[in-house]
Amino acid sequence: MSADHAGERTPLVDLQCEAHTYPDGTVGMHDVDFSVHHDEVVALVGGNGAGKSTLLEHLNATLVPDEGELVVGGTAITEDNKAYARREVGFVFQDADTQLVAPTVLDDVMFGLQNYGVSGEEAKRRAREALATVDAAHLEERIPHYLSGGEKRLVGLAGVLVLEPSVVVLDEPLAGLDPERSLLVADRIRQIHREGISVVVSTHDLEFAAEIADRVCVMAAGNVVGSGTPREVFYDDALLERANLHPPAAVRIARNAGLDTSTQPVTEADLVTLLADRAAASGTVRAGSLDCSGGD
């Protein structure tokens, strides 16, 4: 499995955490080496208690290592410059209610800007642009706590995007959402990536990880135990077993159907292509057999 550092590129975020222990003595992470680079989507997967949320909260200095270092944009993060980390690395929490604080959606998205001294009209303009980016402009006068789960996620995402971060981190962005809202949130994540923002998501949904990620990092027992492309990770049975994970449905179906998995399908689209190619090859063989069956 490849190392977490991709080539020689300078990472946007580089976390070295030898240890993080919670006040009750629980070890949240240990020996973690994790980085985020320009123009990538990273999916963090693992079972409950693997340390995914703990790792994510270290990326913008919400939590800090007991031993180790966080570097953001080439700057080592200390107690004195945590605000820089939180501006560069926007965090969308799994429980969206924890970051919805204002009486209306527009006020909520403006909140962070106003904390940084952006004037009222400029903050309002940028907040409306951020809401439009996530297809939530129609919500601006709504009361945040009366929104649906999916709408709250989009508003939380807009509240992060308005600060123009280099990296957006989302903790279980599809948790509790119905399929339609899940598709909408996933599409918005792809959209912000297309606009040049790197994205880190933690998820239990390996189908989602296979669809969206350039790189998958697997956590188990508070450590990153492997990483690579979706194809590298989801065909590594030993790695998945170590993390108590099962491969995505496309991998299981292709294997159970006895298909040639040399192309390593990991998504539904991959599987459809593989089946179509198999059907086309079968049709060619049958046509060839018929052509050869005639006599003089």
C-alpha atoms as a PDB file:
ATOM      1  CA  MET A   1       0.000   0.000   0.000  1.00  0.00           C
ATOM      2  CA  SER A   2       1.349   3.425  -0.921  1.00  0.00           C
ATOM      3  CA  ALA A   3       2.556   5.944   1.651  1.00  0.00           C
ATOM      4  CA  ASP A   4       0.190   8.742   2.589  1.00  0.00           C
ATOM      5  CA  HIS A   5       2.439  11.394   1.121  1.00  0.00           C
ATOM      6  CA  ALA A   6       1.788  11.618  -2.618  1.00  0.00           C
ATOM      7  CA  GLY A   7       5.080  12.042  -4.429  1.00  0.00           C
ATOM      8  CA  GLU A   8       7.095  15.114  -3.544  1.00  0.00           C
ATOM      9  CA  ARG A   9       4.219  17.620  -3.532  1.00  0.00           C
ATOM     10  CA  THR A  10       4.036  19.999  -0.603  1.00  0.00           C
ATOM     11  CA  PRO A  11       0.822  19.160   1.268  1.00  0.00           C
ATOM     12  CA  LEU A  12      -1.835  21.719   2.100  1.00  0.00           C
ATOM     13  CA  VAL A  13      -2.212  20.018   5.472  1.00  0.00           C
ATOM     14  CA  ASP A  14       0.340  17.768   7.132  1.00  0.00           C
ATOM     15  CA  LEU A  15      -0.468  16.104  10.455  1.00  0.00           C
ATOM     16  CA  GLN A  16       2.072  14.130  12.440  1.00  0.00           C
ATOM     17  CA  CYS A  17       0.404  12.857  15.611  1.00  0.00           C
ATOM     18  CA  GLU A  18       2.399  10.510  17.798  1.00  0.00           C
ATOM     19  CA  ALA A  19      -0.421  10.457  20.333  1.00  0.00           C
ATOM     20  CA  HIS A  20      -3.736  12.005  21.295  1.00  0.00           C
ATOM     21  CA  THR A  21      -5.367  10.871  24.515  1.00  0.00           C
ATOM     22  CA  TYR A  22      -8.739  12.091  25.768  1.00  0.00           C
ATOM     23  CA  PRO A  23      -9.143  13.312  29.384  1.00  0.00           C
ATOM     24  CA  ASP A  24     -10.698   9.984  30.440  1.00  0.00           C
ATOM     25  CA  GLY A  25      -7.552   8.153  29.290  1.00  0.00           C
ATOM     26  CA  THR A  26      -8.986   6.863  25.984  1.00  0.00           C
ATOM     27  CA  VAL A  27      -6.365   6.834  23.240  1.00  0.00           C
ATOM     28  CA  GLY A  28      -7.955   8.542  20.241  1.00  0.00           C
ATOM     29  CA  MET A  29      -4.989   8.297  17.871  1.00  0.00           C
ATOM     30  CA  HIS A  30      -1.376   7.200  17.804  1.00  0.00           C
ATOM     31  CA  ASP A  31       1.467   7.236  15.273  1.00  0.00           C
ATOM     32  CA  VAL A  32      -0.663   8.967  12.622  1.00  0.00           C
ATOM     33  CA  ASP A  33       0.980  10.430   9.521  1.00  0.00           C
ATOM     34  CA  PHE A  34      -1.731  12.063   7.399  1.00  0.00           C
ATOM     35  CA  SER A  35      -1.637  14.763   4.761  1.00  0.00           C
ATOM     36  CA  VAL A  36      -3.919  16.456   2.238  1.00  0.00           C
ATOM     37  CA  HIS A  37      -2.635  17.712  -1.097  1.00  0.00           C
ATOM     38  CA  HIS A  38      -3.852  20.110  -3.760  1.00  0.00           C
ATOM     39  CA  ASP A  39      -6.755  18.990  -5.927  1.00  0.00           C
ATOM     40  CA  GLU A  40      -7.745  15.741  -4.261  1.00  0.00           C
ATOM     41  CA  VAL A  41     -10.656  14.135  -2.470  1.00  0.00           C
ATOM     42  CA  VAL A  42      -9.602  11.899   0.402  1.00  0.00           C
ATOM     43  CA  ALA A  43     -12.025   9.436   1.990  1.00  0.00           C
ATOM     44  CA  LEU A  44     -11.293   8.281   5.527  1.00  0.00           C
ATOM     45  CA  VAL A  45     -12.897   4.918   6.265  1.00  0.00           C
ATOM     46  CA  GLY A  46     -12.936   2.581   9.237  1.00  0.00           C
ATOM     47  CA  GLY A  47     -15.221   1.033  11.803  1.00  0.00           C
ATOM     48  CA  ASN A  48     -16.797   2.734  14.791  1.00  0.00           C
ATOM     49  CA  GLY A  49     -14.137   3.852  17.242  1.00  0.00           C
ATOM     50  CA  ALA A  50     -11.354   3.657  14.656  1.00  0.00           C
ATOM     51  CA  GLY A  51     -10.429   7.307  15.245  1.00  0.00           C
ATOM     52  CA  LYS A  52     -11.830   8.973  12.117  1.00  0.00           C
ATOM     53  CA  SER A  53     -13.546  11.908  13.832  1.00  0.00           C
ATOM     54  CA  THR A  54     -10.549  12.408  16.122  1.00  0.00           C
ATOM     55  CA  LEU A  55      -8.234  12.630  13.123  1.00  0.00           C
ATOM     56  CA  LEU A  56     -10.525  15.066  11.295  1.00  0.00           C
ATOM     57  CA  GLU A  57     -10.723  17.391  14.287  1.00  0.00           C
ATOM     58  CA  HIS A  58      -6.924  17.595  14.327  1.00  0.00           C
ATOM     59  CA  LEU A  59      -6.843  18.936  10.751  1.00  0.00           C
ATOM     60  CA  ASN A  60      -8.044  22.424  11.739  1.00  0.00           C
ATOM     61  CA  ALA A  61      -6.713  22.398  15.322  1.00  0.00           C
ATOM     62  CA  THR A  62     -10.078  21.753  16.951  1.00  0.00           C
ATOM     63  CA  LEU A  63      -8.025  19.068  18.707  1.00  0.00           C
ATOM     64  CA  VAL A  64      -4.241  19.189  19.044  1.00  0.00           C
ATOM     65  CA  PRO A  65      -1.781  16.304  19.369  1.00  0.00           C
ATOM     66  CA  ASP A  66      -0.345  15.459  22.783  1.00  0.00           C
ATOM     67  CA  GLU A  67       2.808  14.752  20.795  1.00  0.00           C
ATOM     68  CA  GLY A  68       3.253  15.821  17.208  1.00  0.00           C
ATOM     69  CA  GLU A  69       2.656  18.735  14.866  1.00  0.00           C
ATOM     70  CA  LEU A  70       0.075  20.181  12.470  1.00  0.00           C
ATOM     71  CA  VAL A  71       1.343  22.174   9.487  1.00  0.00           C
ATOM     72  CA  VAL A  72      -1.171  24.061   7.340  1.00  0.00           C
ATOM     73  CA  GLY A  73      -0.068  25.850   4.180  1.00  0.00           C
ATOM     74  CA  GLY A  74       3.544  25.451   5.263  1.00  0.00           C
ATOM     75  CA  THR A  75       2.863  27.102   8.650  1.00  0.00           C
ATOM     76  CA  ALA A  76       3.278  25.161  11.884  1.00  0.00           C
ATOM     77  CA  ILE A  77       0.128  25.606  13.963  1.00  0.00           C
ATOM     78  CA  THR A  78       0.487  26.721  17.588  1.00  0.00           C
ATOM     79  CA  GLU A  79      -1.848  28.123  20.232  1.00  0.00           C
ATOM     80  CA  ASP A  80      -1.221  31.565  18.762  1.00  0.00           C
ATOM     81  CA  ASN A  81      -2.357  30.864  15.185  1.00  0.00           C
ATOM     82  CA  LYS A  82      -5.160  28.308  15.444  1.00  0.00           C
ATOM     83  CA  ALA A  83      -7.460  30.810  13.728  1.00  0.00           C
ATOM     84  CA  TYR A  84      -5.336  30.485  10.578  1.00  0.00           C
ATOM     85  CA  ALA A  85      -5.804  26.700  10.557  1.00  0.00           C
ATOM     86  CA  ARG A  86      -9.567  27.066  11.009  1.00  0.00           C
ATOM     87  CA  ARG A  87      -9.818  29.552   8.160  1.00  0.00           C
ATOM     88  CA  GLU A  88      -7.744  27.416   5.776  1.00  0.00           C
ATOM     89  CA  VAL A  89      -9.360  24.117   6.780  1.00  0.00           C
ATOM     90  CA  GLY A  90     -13.129  24.448   6.947  1.00  0.00           C
ATOM     91  CA  PHE A  91     -14.937  21.830   9.037  1.00  0.00           C
ATOM     92  CA  VAL A  92     -18.519  20.629   8.500  1.00  0.00           C
ATOM     93  CA  PHE A  93     -19.570  18.616  11.535  1.00  0.00           C
ATOM     94  CA  GLN A  94     -21.699  15.481  11.382  1.00  0.00           C
ATOM     95  CA  ASP A  95     -24.233  17.146  13.697  1.00  0.00           C
ATOM     96  CA  ALA A  96     -24.995  20.251  11.644  1.00  0.00           C
ATOM     97  CA  ASP A  97     -26.868  21.847  14.551  1.00  0.00           C
ATOM     98  CA  THR A  98     -23.566  22.389  16.360  1.00  0.00           C
ATOM     99  CA  GLN A  99     -22.532  25.044  13.820  1.00  0.00           C
ATOM    100  CA  LEU A 100     -25.886  26.709  13.091  1.00  0.00           C
ATOM    101  CA  VAL A 101     -26.037  29.659  15.467  1.00  0.00           C
ATOM    102  CA  ALA A 102     -27.915  32.561  13.834  1.00  0.00           C
ATOM    103  CA  PRO A 103     -31.634  33.390  13.416  1.00  0.00           C
ATOM    104  CA  THR A 104     -31.692  32.966   9.629  1.00  0.00           C
ATOM    105  CA  VAL A 105     -29.670  30.962   7.122  1.00  0.00           C
ATOM    106  CA  LEU A 106     -28.168  34.096   5.577  1.00  0.00           C
ATOM    107  CA  ASP A 107     -27.144  35.418   8.986  1.00  0.00           C
ATOM    108  CA  ASP A 108     -25.591  32.063   9.804  1.00  0.00           C
ATOM    109  CA  VAL A 109     -23.459  31.943   6.655  1.00  0.00           C
ATOM    110  CA  MET A 110     -22.387  35.554   7.253  1.00  0.00           C
ATOM    111  CA  PHE A 111     -21.409  34.831  10.855  1.00  0.00           C
ATOM    112  CA  GLY A 112     -17.855  33.657  10.234  1.00  0.00           C
ATOM    113  CA  LEU A 113     -17.102  36.540   7.879  1.00  0.00           C
ATOM    114  CA  GLN A 114     -18.318  39.082  10.402  1.00  0.00           C
ATOM    115  CA  ASN A 115     -16.078  37.511  13.040  1.00  0.00           C
ATOM    116  CA  TYR A 116     -13.161  38.265  10.717  1.00  0.00           C
ATOM    117  CA  GLY A 117     -14.261  41.885  10.331  1.00  0.00           C
ATOM    118  CA  VAL A 118     -15.886  41.720   6.886  1.00  0.00           C
ATOM    119  CA  SER A 119     -18.432  44.518   6.481  1.00  0.00           C
ATOM    120  CA  GLY A 120     -22.178  43.833   6.445  1.00  0.00           C
ATOM    121  CA  GLU A 121     -22.866  44.317   2.723  1.00  0.00           C
ATOM    122  CA  GLU A 122     -19.707  42.505   1.640  1.00  0.00           C
ATOM    123  CA  ALA A 123     -20.473  39.650   4.046  1.00  0.00           C
ATOM    124  CA  LYS A 124     -24.023  39.436   2.703  1.00  0.00           C
ATOM    125  CA  ARG A 125     -22.806  39.334  -0.904  1.00  0.00           C
ATOM    126  CA  ARG A 126     -20.283  36.583  -0.201  1.00  0.00           C
ATOM    127  CA  ALA A 127     -22.779  34.607   1.887  1.00  0.00           C
ATOM    128  CA  ARG A 128     -25.284  34.644  -0.969  1.00  0.00           C
ATOM    129  CA  GLU A 129     -22.595  33.468  -3.387  1.00  0.00           C
ATOM    130  CA  ALA A 130     -21.701  30.606  -1.047  1.00  0.00           C
ATOM    131  CA  LEU A 131     -25.348  29.571  -0.704  1.00  0.00           C
ATOM    132  CA  ALA A 132     -25.737  29.641  -4.493  1.00  0.00           C
ATOM    133  CA  THR A 133     -22.636  27.440  -4.836  1.00  0.00           C
ATOM    134  CA  VAL A 134     -24.314  24.675  -2.816  1.00  0.00           C
ATOM    135  CA  ASP A 135     -27.729  25.216  -4.467  1.00  0.00           C
ATOM    136  CA  ALA A 136     -29.242  26.613  -1.263  1.00  0.00           C
ATOM    137  CA  ALA A 137     -29.945  30.260  -2.176  1.00  0.00           C
ATOM    138  CA  HIS A 138     -33.671  29.646  -1.725  1.00  0.00           C
ATOM    139  CA  LEU A 139     -33.093  28.933   1.974  1.00  0.00           C
ATOM    140  CA  GLU A 140     -31.544  32.279   2.958  1.00  0.00           C
ATOM    141  CA  GLU A 141     -34.532  33.562   4.982  1.00  0.00           C
ATOM    142  CA  ARG A 142     -35.315  30.218   6.633  1.00  0.00           C
ATOM    143  CA  ILE A 143     -34.712  29.477  10.321  1.00  0.00           C
ATOM    144  CA  PRO A 144     -31.759  27.031  10.395  1.00  0.00           C
ATOM    145  CA  HIS A 145     -33.113  24.670  13.043  1.00  0.00           C
ATOM    146  CA  TYR A 146     -36.281  24.055  11.014  1.00  0.00           C
ATOM    147  CA  LEU A 147     -34.360  22.802   7.987  1.00  0.00           C
ATOM    148  CA  SER A 148     -34.127  19.163   6.977  1.00  0.00           C
ATOM    149  CA  GLY A 149     -30.943  17.233   7.664  1.00  0.00           C
ATOM    150  CA  GLY A 150     -29.733  17.595   4.093  1.00  0.00           C
ATOM    151  CA  GLU A 151     -30.508  21.309   4.024  1.00  0.00           C
ATOM    152  CA  LYS A 152     -28.582  21.818   7.263  1.00  0.00           C
ATOM    153  CA  ARG A 153     -25.555  20.056   5.756  1.00  0.00           C
ATOM    154  CA  LEU A 154     -25.666  22.370   2.735  1.00  0.00           C
ATOM    155  CA  VAL A 155     -25.957  25.478   4.915  1.00  0.00           C
ATOM    156  CA  GLY A 156     -23.075  24.259   7.088  1.00  0.00           C
ATOM    157  CA  LEU A 157     -21.042  23.707   3.927  1.00  0.00           C
ATOM    158  CA  ALA A 158     -21.875  27.219   2.689  1.00  0.00           C
ATOM    159  CA  GLY A 159     -20.788  28.620   6.061  1.00  0.00           C
ATOM    160  CA  VAL A 160     -17.404  26.992   5.537  1.00  0.00           C
ATOM    161  CA  LEU A 161     -17.024  27.892   1.843  1.00  0.00           C
ATOM    162  CA  VAL A 162     -17.697  31.573   2.469  1.00  0.00           C
ATOM    163  CA  LEU A 163     -14.312  31.781   4.248  1.00  0.00           C
ATOM    164  CA  GLU A 164     -12.600  30.513   1.062  1.00  0.00           C
ATOM    165  CA  PRO A 165     -10.663  27.618   2.633  1.00  0.00           C
ATOM    166  CA  SER A 166      -8.043  25.531   0.881  1.00  0.00           C
ATOM    167  CA  VAL A 167      -9.479  22.314   2.320  1.00  0.00           C
ATOM    168  CA  VAL A 168     -13.008  21.341   3.357  1.00  0.00           C
ATOM    169  CA  VAL A 169     -13.431  18.535   5.901  1.00  0.00           C
ATOM    170  CA  LEU A 170     -16.781  16.754   6.293  1.00  0.00           C
ATOM    171  CA  ASP A 171     -17.495  14.248   9.047  1.00  0.00           C
ATOM    172  CA  GLU A 172     -19.993  11.602   7.819  1.00  0.00           C
ATOM    173  CA  PRO A 173     -21.709  14.000   5.387  1.00  0.00           C
ATOM    174  CA  LEU A 174     -24.362  11.454   4.342  1.00  0.00           C
ATOM    175  CA  ALA A 175     -25.260  10.212   7.832  1.00  0.00           C
ATOM    176  CA  GLY A 176     -29.010  10.142   8.373  1.00  0.00           C
ATOM    177  CA  LEU A 177     -29.872  11.438   4.897  1.00  0.00           C
ATOM    178  CA  ASP A 178     -32.366   9.839   2.528  1.00  0.00           C
ATOM    179  CA  PRO A 179     -31.070   8.765  -0.919  1.00  0.00           C
ATOM    180  CA  GLU A 180     -32.193  11.948  -2.679  1.00  0.00           C
ATOM    181  CA  ARG A 181     -30.519  14.250  -0.149  1.00  0.00           C
ATOM    182  CA  SER A 182     -27.424  12.036  -0.141  1.00  0.00           C
ATOM    183  CA  LEU A 183     -27.107  12.443  -3.910  1.00  0.00           C
ATOM    184  CA  LEU A 184     -27.496  16.220  -3.571  1.00  0.00           C
ATOM    185  CA  VAL A 185     -24.822  16.521  -0.879  1.00  0.00           C
ATOM    186  CA  ALA A 186     -22.467  14.224  -2.821  1.00  0.00           C
ATOM    187  CA  ASP A 187     -22.964  16.324  -5.947  1.00  0.00           C
ATOM    188  CA  ARG A 188     -22.170  19.529  -4.040  1.00  0.00           C
ATOM    189  CA  ILE A 189     -18.972  17.921  -2.724  1.00  0.00           C
ATOM    190  CA  ARG A 190     -17.926  17.077  -6.291  1.00  0.00           C
ATOM    191  CA  GLN A 191     -18.758  20.629  -7.344  1.00  0.00           C
ATOM    192  CA  ILE A 192     -16.567  22.320  -4.754  1.00  0.00           C
ATOM    193  CA  HIS A 193     -13.738  19.957  -5.672  1.00  0.00           C
ATOM    194  CA  ARG A 194     -14.109  20.960  -9.319  1.00  0.00           C
ATOM    195  CA  GLU A 195     -13.695  24.558  -8.163  1.00  0.00           C
ATOM    196  CA  GLY A 196     -10.241  23.742  -6.808  1.00  0.00           C
ATOM    197  CA  ILE A 197     -10.870  22.977  -3.139  1.00  0.00           C
ATOM    198  CA  SER A 198      -9.448  19.775  -1.693  1.00  0.00           C
ATOM    199  CA  VAL A 199     -11.923  17.691   0.305  1.00  0.00           C
ATOM    200  CA  VAL A 200     -11.594  15.192   3.146  1.00  0.00           C
ATOM    201  CA  VAL A 201     -14.616  13.083   4.109  1.00  0.00           C
ATOM    202  CA  SER A 202     -15.036  10.413   6.732  1.00  0.00           C
ATOM    203  CA  THR A 203     -17.656   7.842   5.853  1.00  0.00           C
ATOM    204  CA  HIS A 204     -19.009   4.399   6.650  1.00  0.00           C
ATOM    205  CA  ASP A 205     -20.423   4.218   3.110  1.00  0.00           C
ATOM    206  CA  LEU A 206     -17.745   2.522   1.014  1.00  0.00           C
ATOM    207  CA  GLU A 207     -19.841   2.861  -2.158  1.00  0.00           C
ATOM    208  CA  PHE A 208     -19.764   6.632  -1.622  1.00  0.00           C
ATOM    209  CA  ALA A 209     -16.017   6.510  -0.940  1.00  0.00           C
ATOM    210  CA  ALA A 210     -15.435   4.531  -4.140  1.00  0.00           C
ATOM    211  CA  GLU A 211     -17.482   7.027  -6.166  1.00  0.00           C
ATOM    212  CA  ILE A 212     -15.984  10.236  -4.828  1.00  0.00           C
ATOM    213  CA  ALA A 213     -12.417   9.655  -3.624  1.00  0.00           C
ATOM    214  CA  ASP A 214      -9.084   9.974  -5.374  1.00  0.00           C
ATOM    215  CA  ARG A 215      -7.449   8.430  -2.314  1.00  0.00           C
ATOM    216  CA  VAL A 216      -8.821   6.246   0.466  1.00  0.00           C
ATOM    217  CA  CYS A 217      -7.209   6.073   3.917  1.00  0.00           C
ATOM    218  CA  VAL A 218      -8.154   3.197   6.195  1.00  0.00           C
ATOM    219  CA  MET A 219      -8.180   3.624   9.982  1.00  0.00           C
ATOM    220  CA  ALA A 220      -8.161   0.956  12.670  1.00  0.00           C
ATOM    221  CA  ALA A 221      -7.481   1.247  16.403  1.00  0.00           C
ATOM    222  CA  GLY A 222      -6.524   4.926  16.200  1.00  0.00           C
ATOM    223  CA  ASN A 223      -4.080   4.669  13.335  1.00  0.00           C
ATOM    224  CA  VAL A 224      -4.011   4.974   9.549  1.00  0.00           C
ATOM    225  CA  VAL A 225      -3.201   1.405   8.561  1.00  0.00           C
ATOM    226  CA  GLY A 226      -3.205   1.808   4.789  1.00  0.00           C
ATOM    227  CA  SER A 227      -3.988   4.161   1.927  1.00  0.00           C
ATOM    228  CA  GLY A 228      -4.170   4.192  -1.833  1.00  0.00           C
ATOM    229  CA  THR A 229      -6.549   4.617  -4.728  1.00  0.00           C
ATOM    230  CA  PRO A 230     -10.032   3.102  -4.307  1.00  0.00           C
ATOM    231  CA  ARG A 231      -8.968   0.176  -6.492  1.00  0.00           C
ATOM    232  CA  GLU A 232      -5.832  -0.451  -4.436  1.00  0.00           C
ATOM    233  CA  VAL A 233      -7.688  -0.306  -1.134  1.00  0.00           C
ATOM    234  CA  PHE A 234     -10.928  -2.093  -1.975  1.00  0.00           C
ATOM    235  CA  TYR A 235      -9.138  -5.087  -3.511  1.00  0.00           C
ATOM    236  CA  ASP A 236      -6.774  -5.428  -0.541  1.00  0.00           C
ATOM    237  CA  ASP A 237      -8.637  -8.093   1.437  1.00  0.00           C
ATOM    238  CA  ALA A 238      -6.087  -8.235   4.241  1.00  0.00           C
ATOM    239  CA  LEU A 239      -6.283  -4.476   4.798  1.00  0.00           C
ATOM    240  CA  LEU A 240     -10.088  -4.453   4.816  1.00  0.00           C
ATOM    241  CA  GLU A 241     -10.210  -7.402   7.196  1.00  0.00           C
ATOM    242  CA  ARG A 242      -7.805  -5.625   9.540  1.00  0.00           C
ATOM    243  CA  ALA A 243     -10.205  -2.661   9.664  1.00  0.00           C
ATOM    244  CA  ASN A 244     -13.298  -4.892   9.888  1.00  0.00           C
ATOM    245  CA  LEU A 245     -14.624  -3.565   6.569  1.00  0.00           C
ATOM    246  CA  HIS A 246     -16.308  -5.230   3.603  1.00  0.00           C
ATOM    247  CA  PRO A 247     -15.551  -4.107   0.042  1.00  0.00           C
ATOM    248  CA  PRO A 248     -18.095  -2.071  -1.947  1.00  0.00           C
ATOM    249  CA  ALA A 249     -21.002  -3.890  -3.575  1.00  0.00           C
ATOM    250  CA  ALA A 250     -19.450  -3.680  -7.054  1.00  0.00           C
ATOM    251  CA  VAL A 251     -16.394  -5.600  -5.861  1.00  0.00           C
ATOM    252  CA  ARG A 252     -18.483  -8.290  -4.160  1.00  0.00           C
ATOM    253  CA  ILE A 253     -20.870  -8.700  -7.090  1.00  0.00           C
ATOM    254  CA  ALA A 254     -18.065  -8.943  -9.653  1.00  0.00           C
ATOM    255  CA  ARG A 255     -16.331 -11.619  -7.607  1.00  0.00           C
ATOM    256  CA  ASN A 256     -19.493 -13.575  -6.792  1.00  0.00           C
ATOM    257  CA  ALA A 257     -20.519 -13.536 -10.455  1.00  0.00           C
ATOM    258  CA  GLY A 258     -17.149 -14.935 -11.488  1.00  0.00           C
ATOM    259  CA  LEU A 259     -16.360 -11.921 -13.655  1.00  0.00           C
ATOM    260  CA  ASP A 260     -12.851 -11.055 -14.771  1.00  0.00           C
ATOM    261  CA  THR A 261     -11.923  -8.488 -12.108  1.00  0.00           C
ATOM    262  CA  SER A 262      -8.551  -7.592 -13.608  1.00  0.00           C
ATOM    263  CA  THR A 263      -9.975  -4.114 -14.290  1.00  0.00           C
ATOM    264  CA  GLN A 264     -10.869  -3.867 -10.577  1.00  0.00           C
ATOM    265  CA  PRO A 265     -14.388  -2.422 -10.734  1.00  0.00           C
ATOM    266  CA  VAL A 266     -15.248  -0.486  -7.557  1.00  0.00           C
ATOM    267  CA  THR A 267     -18.311   1.547  -8.559  1.00  0.00           C
ATOM    268  CA  GLU A 268     -21.692   0.743 -10.068  1.00  0.00           C
ATOM    269  CA  ALA A 269     -20.590   2.428 -13.305  1.00  0.00           C
ATOM    270  CA  ASP A 270     -17.441   0.268 -13.392  1.00  0.00           C
ATOM    271  CA  LEU A 271     -19.566  -2.845 -12.948  1.00  0.00           C
ATOM    272  CA  VAL A 272     -21.998  -1.850 -15.714  1.00  0.00           C
ATOM    273  CA  THR A 273     -19.064  -1.278 -18.077  1.00  0.00           C
ATOM    274  CA  LEU A 274     -17.571  -4.654 -17.188  1.00  0.00           C
ATOM    275  CA  LEU A 275     -20.897  -6.441 -17.792  1.00  0.00           C
ATOM    276  CA  ALA A 276     -21.417  -4.583 -21.084  1.00  0.00           C
ATOM    277  CA  ASP A 277     -17.921  -5.543 -22.260  1.00  0.00           C
ATOM    278  CA  ARG A 278     -18.569  -9.150 -21.286  1.00  0.00           C
ATOM    279  CA  ALA A 279     -21.884  -9.165 -23.163  1.00  0.00           C
ATOM    280  CA  ALA A 280     -20.273  -7.614 -26.225  1.00  0.00           C
ATOM    281  CA  ALA A 281     -17.458 -10.171 -26.180  1.00  0.00           C
ATOM    282  CA  SER A 282     -19.965 -12.998 -25.801  1.00  0.00           C
ATOM    283  CA  GLY A 283     -21.987 -11.654 -28.721  1.00  0.00           C
ATOM    284  CA  THR A 284     -18.870 -11.485 -30.888  1.00  0.00           C
ATOM    285  CA  VAL A 285     -18.008 -15.090 -30.060  1.00  0.00           C
ATOM    286  CA  ARG A 286     -21.549 -16.241 -30.909  1.00  0.00           C
ATOM    287  CA  ALA A 287     -21.527 -14.303 -34.176  1.00  0.00           C
ATOM    288  CA  GLY A 288     -18.177 -15.818 -35.086  1.00  0.00           C
ATOM    289  CA  SER A 289     -19.478 -19.301 -34.319  1.00  0.00           C
ATOM    290  CA  LEU A 290     -22.488 -18.756 -36.582  1.00  0.00           C
ATOM    291  CA  ASP A 291     -20.298 -17.472 -39.391  1.00  0.00           C
ATOM    292  CA  CYS A 292     -18.189 -20.627 -39.211  1.00  0.00           C
ATOM    293  CA  SER A 293     -21.103 -23.053 -38.967  1.00  0.00           C
ATOM    294  CA  GLY A 294     -22.277 -22.953 -42.586  1.00  0.00           C
ATOM    295  CA  GLY A 295     -21.245 -25.648 -45.057  1.00  0.00           C
ATOM    296  CA  ASP A 296     -20.571 -25.623 -48.813  1.00  0.00           C
END
